[in-house]
Amino acid sequence: MKKKSKANPRHPWEFYGLDKMRQKELTALMESGKYVSMLRSAANMANKQIAAYLIKSVTEKRSYDRLEFDNELGRIPCGRTDFYGIRRYFYHLFDLKLKKIIYLQSYNHRPADHVARASFHIHQEPVENRRRLA
């Protein structure tokens, strides 16, 4: 029986409750430069070794092949399958952080960021995911 590695998640987008529309919304928010701190935090939480590659991949629209031998960062320390699995997990973490901010803003009766408010919609997370995060 093969053990599933928690360090290199390979779950599909659906596992994280992210559809194509939400992926595009999150990408636009990441590229906007408005959530740089949250972007770095989510990337480091996903995988510290490749955090810079994750950020560059999303903000500069670079594929694994274009990042594998990056002039600035050097060679990426993981394979393609792991990279894209970690990248999906990174999107999930960013999404959770964004939802937390929006929830706290609505709880405190402060207006939420207009971009985030316009793109926010709730996804029901799988039961396995809720247990893992608890």
N, C-alpha and C. Protein backbone atom coordinates (compact mmCIF):
# COMPACT_ATOMS: atom_id res chain seq x y z
N MET A 1 0.84 -1.18 0.00
CA MET A 1 0.00 0.00 0.00
C MET A 1 0.89 1.25 0.00
N LYS A 2 0.64 2.13 -0.92
CA LYS A 2 1.45 3.32 -1.10
C LYS A 2 1.00 4.42 -0.14
N LYS A 3 1.97 5.05 0.53
CA LYS A 3 1.67 6.15 1.44
C LYS A 3 1.53 7.44 0.66
N LYS A 4 0.53 8.23 1.00
CA LYS A 4 0.37 9.53 0.35
C LYS A 4 1.19 10.56 1.12
N SER A 5 1.99 11.30 0.40
CA SER A 5 2.85 12.31 1.00
C SER A 5 2.07 13.59 1.26
N LYS A 6 2.16 14.11 2.47
CA LYS A 6 1.51 15.38 2.78
C LYS A 6 2.35 16.55 2.29
N ALA A 7 3.65 16.32 2.10
CA ALA A 7 4.54 17.38 1.65
C ALA A 7 4.31 17.71 0.17
N ASN A 8 3.88 16.74 -0.60
CA ASN A 8 3.66 16.94 -2.02
C ASN A 8 2.25 16.52 -2.41
N PRO A 9 1.26 17.36 -2.08
CA PRO A 9 -0.13 16.98 -2.40
C PRO A 9 -0.35 16.93 -3.91
N ARG A 10 -1.12 15.97 -4.35
CA ARG A 10 -1.40 15.83 -5.78
C ARG A 10 -2.90 15.79 -6.03
N HIS A 11 -3.65 16.40 -5.17
CA HIS A 11 -5.10 16.40 -5.33
C HIS A 11 -5.52 17.27 -6.51
N PRO A 12 -6.62 16.89 -7.17
CA PRO A 12 -7.12 17.71 -8.28
C PRO A 12 -7.77 18.99 -7.76
N TRP A 13 -8.03 19.93 -8.65
CA TRP A 13 -8.67 21.20 -8.28
C TRP A 13 -9.98 20.96 -7.54
N GLU A 14 -10.75 19.98 -7.98
CA GLU A 14 -12.06 19.71 -7.39
C GLU A 14 -11.95 19.34 -5.91
N PHE A 15 -10.88 18.69 -5.52
CA PHE A 15 -10.69 18.32 -4.12
C PHE A 15 -10.70 19.56 -3.23
N TYR A 16 -10.15 20.64 -3.75
CA TYR A 16 -10.06 21.90 -3.00
C TYR A 16 -11.28 22.79 -3.22
N GLY A 17 -12.23 22.34 -4.02
CA GLY A 17 -13.43 23.13 -4.27
C GLY A 17 -13.19 24.32 -5.17
N LEU A 18 -12.20 24.24 -6.04
CA LEU A 18 -11.87 25.35 -6.93
C LEU A 18 -12.22 24.98 -8.37
N ASP A 19 -13.17 25.73 -8.94
CA ASP A 19 -13.50 25.52 -10.34
C ASP A 19 -12.69 26.49 -11.20
N LYS A 20 -12.85 26.39 -12.52
CA LYS A 20 -12.07 27.23 -13.45
C LYS A 20 -12.30 28.72 -13.20
N MET A 21 -13.54 29.09 -12.93
CA MET A 21 -13.85 30.50 -12.71
C MET A 21 -13.14 31.03 -11.45
N ARG A 22 -13.17 30.25 -10.39
CA ARG A 22 -12.51 30.68 -9.15
C ARG A 22 -10.99 30.73 -9.34
N GLN A 23 -10.43 29.81 -10.10
CA GLN A 23 -8.99 29.83 -10.38
C GLN A 23 -8.60 31.13 -11.06
N LYS A 24 -9.41 31.54 -12.04
CA LYS A 24 -9.13 32.78 -12.76
C LYS A 24 -9.26 33.99 -11.84
N GLU A 25 -10.25 33.98 -10.95
CA GLU A 25 -10.43 35.07 -10.00
C GLU A 25 -9.23 35.17 -9.07
N LEU A 26 -8.79 34.03 -8.55
CA LEU A 26 -7.64 34.02 -7.64
C LEU A 26 -6.37 34.47 -8.36
N THR A 27 -6.19 34.02 -9.59
CA THR A 27 -5.02 34.42 -10.37
C THR A 27 -5.01 35.93 -10.57
N ALA A 28 -6.17 36.50 -10.89
CA ALA A 28 -6.26 37.96 -11.08
C ALA A 28 -5.91 38.70 -9.80
N LEU A 29 -6.37 38.19 -8.66
CA LEU A 29 -6.06 38.82 -7.37
C LEU A 29 -4.57 38.70 -7.05
N MET A 30 -3.98 37.55 -7.36
CA MET A 30 -2.55 37.36 -7.12
C MET A 30 -1.71 38.29 -8.00
N GLU A 31 -2.12 38.43 -9.25
CA GLU A 31 -1.39 39.28 -10.20
C GLU A 31 -1.55 40.76 -9.90
N SER A 32 -2.62 41.13 -9.20
CA SER A 32 -2.91 42.54 -8.94
C SER A 32 -1.85 43.21 -8.07
N GLY A 33 -1.14 42.43 -7.28
CA GLY A 33 -0.13 42.99 -6.39
C GLY A 33 -0.71 43.51 -5.08
N LYS A 34 -2.00 43.38 -4.92
CA LYS A 34 -2.66 43.89 -3.72
C LYS A 34 -2.49 42.97 -2.51
N TYR A 35 -2.25 41.70 -2.77
CA TYR A 35 -2.17 40.72 -1.69
C TYR A 35 -0.79 40.06 -1.64
N VAL A 36 0.26 40.83 -1.79
CA VAL A 36 1.62 40.30 -1.86
C VAL A 36 1.99 39.52 -0.60
N SER A 37 1.68 40.08 0.55
CA SER A 37 2.01 39.42 1.82
C SER A 37 1.29 38.08 1.95
N MET A 38 0.02 38.08 1.61
CA MET A 38 -0.78 36.86 1.68
C MET A 38 -0.30 35.84 0.64
N LEU A 39 0.12 36.32 -0.52
CA LEU A 39 0.64 35.47 -1.59
C LEU A 39 1.91 34.76 -1.11
N ARG A 40 2.83 35.51 -0.52
CA ARG A 40 4.08 34.92 -0.01
C ARG A 40 3.82 33.93 1.11
N SER A 41 2.90 34.29 1.99
CA SER A 41 2.57 33.41 3.11
C SER A 41 2.00 32.08 2.62
N ALA A 42 1.06 32.14 1.68
CA ALA A 42 0.46 30.92 1.14
C ALA A 42 1.51 30.07 0.41
N ALA A 43 2.40 30.71 -0.33
CA ALA A 43 3.45 29.99 -1.05
C ALA A 43 4.39 29.28 -0.07
N ASN A 44 4.77 29.96 1.00
CA ASN A 44 5.64 29.35 2.00
C ASN A 44 4.95 28.22 2.75
N MET A 45 3.65 28.38 3.00
CA MET A 45 2.90 27.32 3.66
C MET A 45 2.78 26.09 2.75
N ALA A 46 2.63 26.32 1.47
CA ALA A 46 2.48 25.21 0.52
C ALA A 46 3.78 24.42 0.43
N ASN A 47 4.91 25.12 0.27
CA ASN A 47 6.21 24.45 0.21
C ASN A 47 7.30 25.52 0.19
N LYS A 48 8.07 25.61 1.27
CA LYS A 48 9.10 26.65 1.38
C LYS A 48 10.17 26.55 0.31
N GLN A 49 10.53 25.33 -0.08
CA GLN A 49 11.60 25.14 -1.06
C GLN A 49 11.26 25.72 -2.43
N ILE A 50 10.00 25.68 -2.80
CA ILE A 50 9.64 26.16 -4.14
C ILE A 50 8.71 27.38 -4.10
N ALA A 51 8.63 28.04 -2.95
CA ALA A 51 7.74 29.20 -2.81
C ALA A 51 8.00 30.27 -3.88
N ALA A 52 9.25 30.59 -4.12
CA ALA A 52 9.57 31.62 -5.12
C ALA A 52 9.15 31.18 -6.52
N TYR A 53 9.27 29.89 -6.80
CA TYR A 53 8.85 29.37 -8.11
C TYR A 53 7.33 29.45 -8.27
N LEU A 54 6.61 29.16 -7.18
CA LEU A 54 5.15 29.23 -7.22
C LEU A 54 4.69 30.65 -7.52
N ILE A 55 5.29 31.61 -6.83
CA ILE A 55 4.92 33.01 -7.02
C ILE A 55 5.23 33.45 -8.45
N LYS A 56 6.40 33.09 -8.92
CA LYS A 56 6.79 33.47 -10.28
C LYS A 56 5.88 32.80 -11.32
N SER A 57 5.52 31.57 -11.07
CA SER A 57 4.64 30.84 -11.98
C SER A 57 3.30 31.54 -12.14
N VAL A 58 2.74 31.99 -11.03
CA VAL A 58 1.41 32.62 -11.06
C VAL A 58 1.48 34.06 -11.54
N THR A 59 2.38 34.84 -10.98
CA THR A 59 2.40 36.28 -11.30
C THR A 59 2.96 36.58 -12.69
N GLU A 60 3.82 35.70 -13.20
CA GLU A 60 4.40 35.92 -14.53
C GLU A 60 3.88 34.93 -15.58
N LYS A 61 2.86 34.16 -15.19
CA LYS A 61 2.25 33.16 -16.08
C LYS A 61 3.30 32.26 -16.73
N ARG A 62 4.11 31.63 -15.88
CA ARG A 62 5.16 30.75 -16.37
C ARG A 62 4.83 29.30 -16.06
N SER A 63 5.03 28.45 -17.02
CA SER A 63 4.80 27.02 -16.84
C SER A 63 6.01 26.39 -16.15
N TYR A 64 5.84 25.15 -15.75
CA TYR A 64 6.95 24.41 -15.14
C TYR A 64 8.15 24.38 -16.08
N ASP A 65 7.90 24.12 -17.36
CA ASP A 65 8.99 24.03 -18.33
C ASP A 65 9.80 25.32 -18.42
N ARG A 66 9.14 26.46 -18.27
CA ARG A 66 9.84 27.74 -18.34
C ARG A 66 10.52 28.08 -17.02
N LEU A 67 10.13 27.39 -15.94
CA LEU A 67 10.74 27.64 -14.63
C LEU A 67 11.80 26.61 -14.26
N GLU A 68 11.79 25.48 -14.92
CA GLU A 68 12.66 24.37 -14.52
C GLU A 68 14.13 24.79 -14.41
N PHE A 69 14.60 25.58 -15.34
CA PHE A 69 15.97 26.08 -15.30
C PHE A 69 15.94 27.61 -15.35
N ASP A 70 15.44 28.22 -14.28
CA ASP A 70 15.28 29.67 -14.22
C ASP A 70 16.63 30.35 -13.98
N ASN A 71 16.90 31.43 -14.71
CA ASN A 71 18.17 32.15 -14.58
C ASN A 71 18.34 32.79 -13.22
N GLU A 72 17.27 33.30 -12.63
CA GLU A 72 17.35 33.97 -11.33
C GLU A 72 17.34 32.98 -10.17
N LEU A 73 16.44 32.00 -10.23
CA LEU A 73 16.24 31.09 -9.10
C LEU A 73 17.04 29.80 -9.18
N GLY A 74 17.54 29.49 -10.35
CA GLY A 74 18.25 28.22 -10.52
C GLY A 74 17.28 27.11 -10.87
N ARG A 75 17.74 25.89 -10.74
CA ARG A 75 16.92 24.73 -11.09
C ARG A 75 15.88 24.46 -10.01
N ILE A 76 14.67 24.19 -10.44
CA ILE A 76 13.57 23.91 -9.50
C ILE A 76 13.80 22.55 -8.84
N PRO A 77 13.66 22.46 -7.51
CA PRO A 77 13.99 21.23 -6.79
C PRO A 77 12.87 20.18 -6.73
N CYS A 78 11.99 20.15 -7.72
CA CYS A 78 10.96 19.11 -7.73
C CYS A 78 10.55 18.84 -9.18
N GLY A 79 9.85 17.74 -9.37
CA GLY A 79 9.39 17.37 -10.70
C GLY A 79 8.09 18.08 -11.07
N ARG A 80 7.69 17.92 -12.30
CA ARG A 80 6.50 18.58 -12.84
C ARG A 80 5.23 18.21 -12.07
N THR A 81 5.01 16.92 -11.84
CA THR A 81 3.79 16.47 -11.18
C THR A 81 3.68 17.04 -9.78
N ASP A 82 4.78 16.99 -9.03
CA ASP A 82 4.77 17.56 -7.68
C ASP A 82 4.57 19.07 -7.73
N PHE A 83 5.22 19.74 -8.67
CA PHE A 83 5.09 21.19 -8.78
C PHE A 83 3.63 21.60 -8.98
N TYR A 84 2.96 20.96 -9.92
CA TYR A 84 1.58 21.35 -10.19
C TYR A 84 0.64 20.94 -9.05
N GLY A 85 0.95 19.84 -8.36
CA GLY A 85 0.17 19.46 -7.19
C GLY A 85 0.32 20.48 -6.08
N ILE A 86 1.54 20.91 -5.83
CA ILE A 86 1.81 21.91 -4.80
C ILE A 86 1.20 23.25 -5.21
N ARG A 87 1.23 23.54 -6.49
CA ARG A 87 0.65 24.79 -6.98
C ARG A 87 -0.87 24.82 -6.74
N ARG A 88 -1.55 23.71 -6.94
CA ARG A 88 -2.99 23.65 -6.65
C ARG A 88 -3.24 23.86 -5.16
N TYR A 89 -2.40 23.25 -4.33
CA TYR A 89 -2.51 23.42 -2.88
C TYR A 89 -2.26 24.89 -2.50
N PHE A 90 -1.32 25.52 -3.15
CA PHE A 90 -1.01 26.94 -2.94
C PHE A 90 -2.24 27.80 -3.25
N TYR A 91 -2.91 27.53 -4.35
CA TYR A 91 -4.14 28.26 -4.69
C TYR A 91 -5.18 28.06 -3.59
N HIS A 92 -5.30 26.84 -3.11
CA HIS A 92 -6.26 26.54 -2.04
C HIS A 92 -5.95 27.35 -0.78
N LEU A 93 -4.69 27.39 -0.39
CA LEU A 93 -4.30 28.15 0.80
C LEU A 93 -4.57 29.64 0.61
N PHE A 94 -4.27 30.17 -0.56
CA PHE A 94 -4.54 31.57 -0.86
C PHE A 94 -6.04 31.84 -0.78
N ASP A 95 -6.83 30.93 -1.32
CA ASP A 95 -8.29 31.06 -1.29
C ASP A 95 -8.80 31.08 0.15
N LEU A 96 -8.28 30.20 0.99
CA LEU A 96 -8.69 30.17 2.40
C LEU A 96 -8.33 31.46 3.12
N LYS A 97 -7.14 31.98 2.86
CA LYS A 97 -6.71 33.23 3.49
C LYS A 97 -7.60 34.39 3.03
N LEU A 98 -7.94 34.41 1.77
CA LEU A 98 -8.80 35.46 1.23
C LEU A 98 -10.20 35.39 1.86
N LYS A 99 -10.74 34.19 1.96
CA LYS A 99 -12.06 34.01 2.58
C LYS A 99 -12.04 34.45 4.04
N LYS A 100 -10.94 34.18 4.73
CA LYS A 100 -10.83 34.58 6.13
C LYS A 100 -10.86 36.10 6.25
N ILE A 101 -10.14 36.79 5.38
CA ILE A 101 -10.13 38.26 5.40
C ILE A 101 -11.53 38.80 5.13
N ILE A 102 -12.19 38.25 4.13
CA ILE A 102 -13.54 38.71 3.78
C ILE A 102 -14.51 38.45 4.92
N TYR A 103 -14.38 37.29 5.56
CA TYR A 103 -15.25 36.97 6.70
C TYR A 103 -15.01 37.95 7.84
N LEU A 104 -13.75 38.21 8.16
CA LEU A 104 -13.44 39.13 9.26
C LEU A 104 -13.92 40.54 8.95
N GLN A 105 -13.81 40.96 7.70
CA GLN A 105 -14.29 42.29 7.33
C GLN A 105 -15.80 42.37 7.45
N SER A 106 -16.50 41.34 7.04
CA SER A 106 -17.96 41.36 7.14
C SER A 106 -18.39 41.24 8.60
N TYR A 107 -17.64 40.49 9.39
CA TYR A 107 -17.95 40.34 10.81
C TYR A 107 -17.79 41.67 11.54
N ASN A 108 -16.78 42.42 11.17
CA ASN A 108 -16.52 43.72 11.80
C ASN A 108 -17.31 44.85 11.14
N HIS A 109 -18.17 44.50 10.19
CA HIS A 109 -19.02 45.48 9.48
C HIS A 109 -18.22 46.52 8.73
N ARG A 110 -17.03 46.14 8.29
CA ARG A 110 -16.25 47.02 7.43
C ARG A 110 -16.47 46.56 6.00
N PRO A 111 -16.49 47.49 5.06
CA PRO A 111 -16.68 47.07 3.67
C PRO A 111 -15.49 46.24 3.18
N ALA A 112 -15.79 45.16 2.52
CA ALA A 112 -14.74 44.29 1.98
C ALA A 112 -14.17 44.93 0.72
N ASP A 113 -12.99 44.52 0.37
CA ASP A 113 -12.35 44.99 -0.86
C ASP A 113 -13.28 44.71 -2.04
N HIS A 114 -13.50 45.71 -2.88
CA HIS A 114 -14.48 45.56 -3.96
C HIS A 114 -14.13 44.45 -4.94
N VAL A 115 -12.85 44.21 -5.20
CA VAL A 115 -12.47 43.13 -6.11
C VAL A 115 -12.75 41.78 -5.47
N ALA A 116 -12.35 41.63 -4.22
CA ALA A 116 -12.56 40.37 -3.54
C ALA A 116 -14.05 40.11 -3.36
N ARG A 117 -14.82 41.15 -3.02
CA ARG A 117 -16.25 40.98 -2.80
C ARG A 117 -16.93 40.55 -4.10
N ALA A 118 -16.52 41.14 -5.20
CA ALA A 118 -17.13 40.81 -6.49
C ALA A 118 -16.82 39.39 -6.92
N SER A 119 -15.66 38.88 -6.52
CA SER A 119 -15.27 37.55 -6.98
C SER A 119 -15.52 36.47 -5.94
N PHE A 120 -16.01 36.83 -4.77
CA PHE A 120 -16.16 35.87 -3.69
C PHE A 120 -17.42 35.04 -3.84
N HIS A 121 -17.29 33.76 -3.76
CA HIS A 121 -18.43 32.87 -3.64
C HIS A 121 -17.96 31.66 -2.85
N ILE A 122 -18.86 31.13 -2.05
CA ILE A 122 -18.50 30.08 -1.11
C ILE A 122 -18.47 28.72 -1.82
N HIS A 123 -17.43 27.97 -1.52
CA HIS A 123 -17.31 26.60 -2.02
C HIS A 123 -17.43 25.68 -0.81
N GLN A 124 -18.20 24.65 -0.95
CA GLN A 124 -18.29 23.66 0.11
C GLN A 124 -17.06 22.77 0.03
N GLU A 125 -16.28 22.73 1.08
CA GLU A 125 -15.07 21.91 1.08
C GLU A 125 -15.43 20.45 1.36
N PRO A 126 -14.70 19.53 0.78
CA PRO A 126 -14.94 18.11 1.06
C PRO A 126 -14.74 17.83 2.54
N VAL A 127 -15.48 16.85 3.05
CA VAL A 127 -15.41 16.50 4.47
C VAL A 127 -13.98 16.15 4.87
N GLU A 128 -13.26 15.42 4.01
CA GLU A 128 -11.88 15.03 4.33
C GLU A 128 -11.02 16.26 4.54
N ASN A 129 -11.26 17.28 3.75
CA ASN A 129 -10.49 18.51 3.82
C ASN A 129 -10.76 19.24 5.14
N ARG A 130 -12.01 19.27 5.55
CA ARG A 130 -12.34 19.95 6.80
C ARG A 130 -11.69 19.26 7.99
N ARG A 131 -11.67 17.95 7.98
CA ARG A 131 -11.05 17.23 9.08
C ARG A 131 -9.55 17.49 9.12
N ARG A 132 -8.93 17.52 7.94
CA ARG A 132 -7.49 17.71 7.86
C ARG A 132 -7.08 19.09 8.36
N LEU A 133 -7.89 20.10 8.08
CA LEU A 133 -7.55 21.47 8.46
C LEU A 133 -7.90 21.76 9.92
N ALA A 134 -8.77 20.97 10.50
CA ALA A 134 -9.20 21.23 11.87
C ALA A 134 -8.14 20.90 12.88
